[in-house]
Amino acid sequence: MLIYKIMTADEWSLFEQTGSFTGAPVDLADGFIHFSTGAQARETAAKHFADQDGLRLAWADAEALGDALKWEVSRGDALFPHLFRSWQMAEVLGHADLPLVDGAHQFPPEVA
């Protein structure tokens, strides 16, 4: 199963430069990196990144992240993937721009 992380352009750039992502400010405050499933990603974008342009969507295989990935109850009592370690660039399976068009983020077609 693929899981998704929405990042700012600056966060993505730093991730590319260092090869490791320790998290956005909210991740650092919570003690884990927040991810979403494909079904959750659009709502995450609308709720936490409303009207924010210049975003990047990156994804990984949940199983490949190992035991540091925990599924925990969050918004709407749904299980969300939370990574309790840094994320390595080698674990990124893909990434794409997440443009804002008419107030809505445009996800790649392969995000279910």
N, C-alpha and C. Protein backbone atom coordinates (compact mmCIF):
# COMPACT_ATOMS: atom_id res chain seq x y z
N MET A 1 0.84 -1.18 0.00
CA MET A 1 0.00 0.00 0.00
C MET A 1 0.88 1.25 0.00
N LEU A 2 0.54 2.18 -0.86
CA LEU A 2 1.27 3.44 -0.89
C LEU A 2 0.70 4.40 0.15
N ILE A 3 1.59 5.17 0.76
CA ILE A 3 1.19 6.24 1.66
C ILE A 3 1.84 7.53 1.18
N TYR A 4 1.24 8.67 1.53
CA TYR A 4 1.59 9.94 0.93
C TYR A 4 1.93 10.99 1.98
N LYS A 5 2.88 11.84 1.63
CA LYS A 5 3.27 12.97 2.47
C LYS A 5 3.18 14.24 1.63
N ILE A 6 2.49 15.23 2.15
CA ILE A 6 2.42 16.54 1.50
C ILE A 6 3.47 17.43 2.15
N MET A 7 4.29 18.06 1.31
CA MET A 7 5.39 18.90 1.81
C MET A 7 5.40 20.23 1.09
N THR A 8 5.99 21.22 1.75
CA THR A 8 6.24 22.49 1.07
C THR A 8 7.42 22.30 0.11
N ALA A 9 7.58 23.23 -0.79
CA ALA A 9 8.71 23.17 -1.73
C ALA A 9 10.04 23.22 -0.96
N ASP A 10 10.11 24.04 0.07
CA ASP A 10 11.34 24.14 0.87
C ASP A 10 11.65 22.83 1.59
N GLU A 11 10.63 22.19 2.15
CA GLU A 11 10.83 20.91 2.82
C GLU A 11 11.34 19.86 1.83
N TRP A 12 10.71 19.82 0.65
CA TRP A 12 11.12 18.86 -0.38
C TRP A 12 12.56 19.13 -0.82
N SER A 13 12.90 20.37 -1.02
CA SER A 13 14.25 20.74 -1.45
C SER A 13 15.30 20.29 -0.42
N LEU A 14 15.01 20.52 0.85
CA LEU A 14 15.92 20.10 1.91
C LEU A 14 16.03 18.58 1.95
N PHE A 15 14.92 17.89 1.76
CA PHE A 15 14.90 16.43 1.71
C PHE A 15 15.81 15.94 0.58
N GLU A 16 15.69 16.54 -0.59
CA GLU A 16 16.53 16.16 -1.73
C GLU A 16 18.02 16.41 -1.43
N GLN A 17 18.31 17.53 -0.80
CA GLN A 17 19.70 17.88 -0.51
C GLN A 17 20.34 16.97 0.53
N THR A 18 19.59 16.63 1.57
CA THR A 18 20.16 15.87 2.69
C THR A 18 19.93 14.36 2.58
N GLY A 19 18.90 13.97 1.83
CA GLY A 19 18.58 12.55 1.71
C GLY A 19 17.79 12.01 2.89
N SER A 20 17.41 12.90 3.83
CA SER A 20 16.67 12.47 5.00
C SER A 20 15.67 13.56 5.38
N PHE A 21 14.48 13.14 5.79
CA PHE A 21 13.43 14.07 6.19
C PHE A 21 13.02 13.75 7.62
N THR A 22 13.24 14.70 8.52
CA THR A 22 12.87 14.50 9.91
C THR A 22 11.47 15.01 10.22
N GLY A 23 10.88 15.76 9.28
CA GLY A 23 9.51 16.19 9.44
C GLY A 23 9.31 17.68 9.30
N ALA A 24 8.07 18.04 9.02
CA ALA A 24 7.62 19.42 9.00
C ALA A 24 7.45 19.87 10.46
N PRO A 25 7.24 21.15 10.70
CA PRO A 25 7.06 21.61 12.09
C PRO A 25 6.00 20.82 12.86
N VAL A 26 4.88 20.51 12.25
CA VAL A 26 3.83 19.75 12.95
C VAL A 26 4.31 18.34 13.27
N ASP A 27 5.09 17.74 12.38
CA ASP A 27 5.63 16.41 12.63
C ASP A 27 6.59 16.44 13.82
N LEU A 28 7.47 17.42 13.82
CA LEU A 28 8.44 17.54 14.90
C LEU A 28 7.74 17.76 16.25
N ALA A 29 6.69 18.56 16.23
CA ALA A 29 5.94 18.82 17.46
C ALA A 29 5.24 17.56 17.97
N ASP A 30 4.75 16.74 17.04
CA ASP A 30 3.99 15.54 17.42
C ASP A 30 4.89 14.32 17.66
N GLY A 31 6.13 14.38 17.21
CA GLY A 31 7.06 13.28 17.45
C GLY A 31 7.02 12.18 16.41
N PHE A 32 6.39 12.43 15.27
CA PHE A 32 6.34 11.46 14.17
C PHE A 32 6.00 12.19 12.88
N ILE A 33 6.28 11.53 11.75
CA ILE A 33 5.96 12.10 10.45
C ILE A 33 4.56 11.64 10.06
N HIS A 34 3.69 12.60 9.80
CA HIS A 34 2.31 12.33 9.39
C HIS A 34 2.28 11.93 7.92
N PHE A 35 1.64 10.82 7.63
CA PHE A 35 1.36 10.40 6.26
C PHE A 35 -0.15 10.23 6.12
N SER A 36 -0.61 10.06 4.89
CA SER A 36 -2.01 9.78 4.60
C SER A 36 -2.08 8.64 3.60
N THR A 37 -3.17 7.91 3.63
CA THR A 37 -3.42 6.94 2.57
C THR A 37 -3.90 7.73 1.34
N GLY A 38 -4.01 7.05 0.22
CA GLY A 38 -4.53 7.71 -0.97
C GLY A 38 -5.93 8.25 -0.75
N ALA A 39 -6.75 7.50 -0.03
CA ALA A 39 -8.13 7.93 0.24
C ALA A 39 -8.18 9.13 1.18
N GLN A 40 -7.15 9.32 1.99
CA GLN A 40 -7.13 10.41 2.99
C GLN A 40 -6.41 11.66 2.49
N ALA A 41 -5.60 11.53 1.45
CA ALA A 41 -4.70 12.61 1.05
C ALA A 41 -5.42 13.90 0.64
N ARG A 42 -6.50 13.79 -0.10
CA ARG A 42 -7.21 14.99 -0.55
C ARG A 42 -7.79 15.76 0.63
N GLU A 43 -8.36 15.05 1.60
CA GLU A 43 -8.91 15.70 2.77
C GLU A 43 -7.79 16.34 3.60
N THR A 44 -6.65 15.66 3.69
CA THR A 44 -5.51 16.23 4.40
C THR A 44 -5.08 17.53 3.74
N ALA A 45 -5.00 17.54 2.42
CA ALA A 45 -4.61 18.76 1.69
C ALA A 45 -5.61 19.89 1.95
N ALA A 46 -6.89 19.58 1.88
CA ALA A 46 -7.92 20.60 2.08
C ALA A 46 -7.93 21.13 3.51
N LYS A 47 -7.71 20.25 4.47
CA LYS A 47 -7.78 20.64 5.88
C LYS A 47 -6.53 21.36 6.36
N HIS A 48 -5.36 20.88 5.97
CA HIS A 48 -4.11 21.40 6.53
C HIS A 48 -3.31 22.28 5.57
N PHE A 49 -3.67 22.29 4.28
CA PHE A 49 -2.91 23.05 3.30
C PHE A 49 -3.82 23.89 2.41
N ALA A 50 -4.99 24.27 2.91
CA ALA A 50 -5.96 25.04 2.13
C ALA A 50 -5.30 26.30 1.56
N ASP A 51 -5.53 26.54 0.30
CA ASP A 51 -5.05 27.73 -0.42
C ASP A 51 -3.52 27.84 -0.46
N GLN A 52 -2.81 26.78 -0.15
CA GLN A 52 -1.35 26.80 -0.18
C GLN A 52 -0.86 26.20 -1.49
N ASP A 53 -0.15 26.99 -2.25
CA ASP A 53 0.39 26.54 -3.54
C ASP A 53 1.86 26.16 -3.36
N GLY A 54 2.42 25.56 -4.38
CA GLY A 54 3.83 25.21 -4.36
C GLY A 54 4.13 23.98 -3.52
N LEU A 55 3.16 23.09 -3.39
CA LEU A 55 3.35 21.90 -2.58
C LEU A 55 3.87 20.74 -3.42
N ARG A 56 4.42 19.76 -2.73
CA ARG A 56 4.95 18.55 -3.35
C ARG A 56 4.32 17.35 -2.64
N LEU A 57 3.93 16.37 -3.41
CA LEU A 57 3.41 15.12 -2.89
C LEU A 57 4.47 14.05 -3.11
N ALA A 58 4.82 13.33 -2.06
CA ALA A 58 5.78 12.23 -2.18
C ALA A 58 5.15 10.98 -1.58
N TRP A 59 5.57 9.82 -2.08
CA TRP A 59 4.95 8.60 -1.59
C TRP A 59 5.96 7.48 -1.38
N ALA A 60 5.53 6.55 -0.54
CA ALA A 60 6.36 5.41 -0.17
C ALA A 60 5.48 4.19 0.00
N ASP A 61 6.11 3.03 0.01
CA ASP A 61 5.43 1.77 0.30
C ASP A 61 5.37 1.62 1.81
N ALA A 62 4.17 1.55 2.37
CA ALA A 62 4.01 1.47 3.82
C ALA A 62 4.77 0.28 4.40
N GLU A 63 4.67 -0.86 3.78
CA GLU A 63 5.31 -2.07 4.31
C GLU A 63 6.84 -1.93 4.35
N ALA A 64 7.40 -1.25 3.37
CA ALA A 64 8.85 -1.10 3.29
C ALA A 64 9.40 -0.20 4.40
N LEU A 65 8.55 0.59 5.05
CA LEU A 65 9.01 1.47 6.12
C LEU A 65 9.21 0.72 7.44
N GLY A 66 8.76 -0.50 7.49
CA GLY A 66 9.05 -1.35 8.64
C GLY A 66 8.25 -1.04 9.89
N ASP A 67 8.79 -1.49 11.01
CA ASP A 67 8.10 -1.39 12.30
C ASP A 67 7.98 0.03 12.83
N ALA A 68 8.74 0.96 12.27
CA ALA A 68 8.66 2.35 12.72
C ALA A 68 7.38 3.03 12.23
N LEU A 69 6.66 2.39 11.30
CA LEU A 69 5.39 2.93 10.82
C LEU A 69 4.27 2.33 11.66
N LYS A 70 3.52 3.20 12.31
CA LYS A 70 2.40 2.79 13.15
C LYS A 70 1.11 3.36 12.57
N TRP A 71 0.05 2.57 12.64
CA TRP A 71 -1.26 3.03 12.20
C TRP A 71 -2.03 3.43 13.45
N GLU A 72 -2.37 4.73 13.53
CA GLU A 72 -3.00 5.26 14.73
C GLU A 72 -4.29 6.00 14.39
N VAL A 73 -5.22 5.95 15.32
CA VAL A 73 -6.51 6.63 15.14
C VAL A 73 -6.28 8.13 15.14
N SER A 74 -6.90 8.78 14.18
CA SER A 74 -6.79 10.24 14.07
C SER A 74 -8.13 10.77 13.59
N ARG A 75 -8.08 11.70 12.66
CA ARG A 75 -9.27 12.40 12.16
C ARG A 75 -10.40 11.42 11.81
N GLY A 76 -11.57 11.65 12.39
CA GLY A 76 -12.74 10.84 12.07
C GLY A 76 -12.61 9.39 12.51
N ASP A 77 -11.77 9.13 13.50
CA ASP A 77 -11.52 7.78 14.00
C ASP A 77 -10.90 6.86 12.95
N ALA A 78 -10.35 7.42 11.89
CA ALA A 78 -9.68 6.63 10.86
C ALA A 78 -8.24 6.36 11.27
N LEU A 79 -7.70 5.26 10.80
CA LEU A 79 -6.30 4.94 11.05
C LEU A 79 -5.42 5.68 10.05
N PHE A 80 -4.43 6.40 10.57
CA PHE A 80 -3.48 7.14 9.74
C PHE A 80 -2.09 6.57 9.97
N PRO A 81 -1.26 6.56 8.92
CA PRO A 81 0.12 6.09 9.07
C PRO A 81 1.02 7.18 9.64
N HIS A 82 1.76 6.82 10.69
CA HIS A 82 2.68 7.74 11.36
C HIS A 82 4.05 7.07 11.42
N LEU A 83 5.07 7.76 10.93
CA LEU A 83 6.42 7.21 10.91
C LEU A 83 7.22 7.77 12.07
N PHE A 84 7.70 6.88 12.92
CA PHE A 84 8.43 7.26 14.13
C PHE A 84 9.94 7.16 13.92
N ARG A 85 10.42 7.74 12.87
CA ARG A 85 11.84 7.87 12.55
C ARG A 85 11.94 8.79 11.35
N SER A 86 13.15 9.15 10.97
CA SER A 86 13.29 9.98 9.77
C SER A 86 12.98 9.14 8.54
N TRP A 87 12.59 9.81 7.48
CA TRP A 87 12.25 9.19 6.21
C TRP A 87 13.44 9.39 5.28
N GLN A 88 13.90 8.34 4.65
CA GLN A 88 15.07 8.40 3.79
C GLN A 88 14.67 8.56 2.32
N MET A 89 15.41 9.36 1.58
CA MET A 89 15.12 9.59 0.18
C MET A 89 15.08 8.28 -0.60
N ALA A 90 15.91 7.32 -0.22
CA ALA A 90 15.93 6.02 -0.90
C ALA A 90 14.59 5.28 -0.76
N GLU A 91 13.77 5.68 0.21
CA GLU A 91 12.46 5.04 0.43
C GLU A 91 11.34 5.72 -0.35
N VAL A 92 11.63 6.82 -1.00
CA VAL A 92 10.62 7.53 -1.79
C VAL A 92 10.44 6.81 -3.12
N LEU A 93 9.21 6.40 -3.38
CA LEU A 93 8.92 5.69 -4.63
C LEU A 93 8.55 6.64 -5.77
N GLY A 94 8.09 7.83 -5.41
CA GLY A 94 7.71 8.81 -6.42
C GLY A 94 7.34 10.13 -5.78
N HIS A 95 7.24 11.14 -6.62
CA HIS A 95 6.85 12.46 -6.14
C HIS A 95 6.29 13.25 -7.31
N ALA A 96 5.49 14.24 -6.99
CA ALA A 96 4.86 15.08 -8.02
C ALA A 96 4.49 16.42 -7.41
N ASP A 97 4.41 17.43 -8.26
CA ASP A 97 3.89 18.71 -7.82
C ASP A 97 2.42 18.53 -7.44
N LEU A 98 1.95 19.37 -6.55
CA LEU A 98 0.57 19.35 -6.10
C LEU A 98 -0.01 20.75 -6.32
N PRO A 99 -0.24 21.10 -7.58
CA PRO A 99 -0.67 22.47 -7.87
C PRO A 99 -2.07 22.78 -7.34
N LEU A 100 -2.26 24.04 -7.07
CA LEU A 100 -3.56 24.55 -6.61
C LEU A 100 -4.26 25.19 -7.81
N VAL A 101 -5.41 24.65 -8.18
CA VAL A 101 -6.17 25.15 -9.32
C VAL A 101 -7.59 25.43 -8.85
N ASP A 102 -8.01 26.68 -8.99
CA ASP A 102 -9.35 27.09 -8.56
C ASP A 102 -9.65 26.66 -7.13
N GLY A 103 -8.65 26.80 -6.25
CA GLY A 103 -8.83 26.52 -4.84
C GLY A 103 -8.73 25.06 -4.43
N ALA A 104 -8.44 24.17 -5.38
CA ALA A 104 -8.33 22.74 -5.04
C ALA A 104 -6.98 22.19 -5.52
N HIS A 105 -6.36 21.37 -4.70
CA HIS A 105 -5.11 20.74 -5.09
C HIS A 105 -5.37 19.66 -6.12
N GLN A 106 -4.54 19.64 -7.14
CA GLN A 106 -4.68 18.69 -8.24
C GLN A 106 -3.73 17.52 -8.02
N PHE A 107 -4.28 16.38 -7.64
CA PHE A 107 -3.48 15.19 -7.36
C PHE A 107 -3.19 14.41 -8.64
N PRO A 108 -2.06 13.72 -8.67
CA PRO A 108 -1.78 12.86 -9.82
C PRO A 108 -2.89 11.81 -9.94
N PRO A 109 -3.20 11.39 -11.15
CA PRO A 109 -4.31 10.45 -11.34
C PRO A 109 -4.15 9.11 -10.62
N GLU A 110 -2.89 8.72 -10.37
CA GLU A 110 -2.68 7.42 -9.73
C GLU A 110 -2.97 7.42 -8.23
N VAL A 111 -3.21 8.57 -7.62
CA VAL A 111 -3.54 8.63 -6.19
C VAL A 111 -5.03 8.31 -6.06
N ALA A 112 -5.31 7.15 -5.47
CA ALA A 112 -6.71 6.69 -5.38
C ALA A 112 -7.50 7.47 -4.35
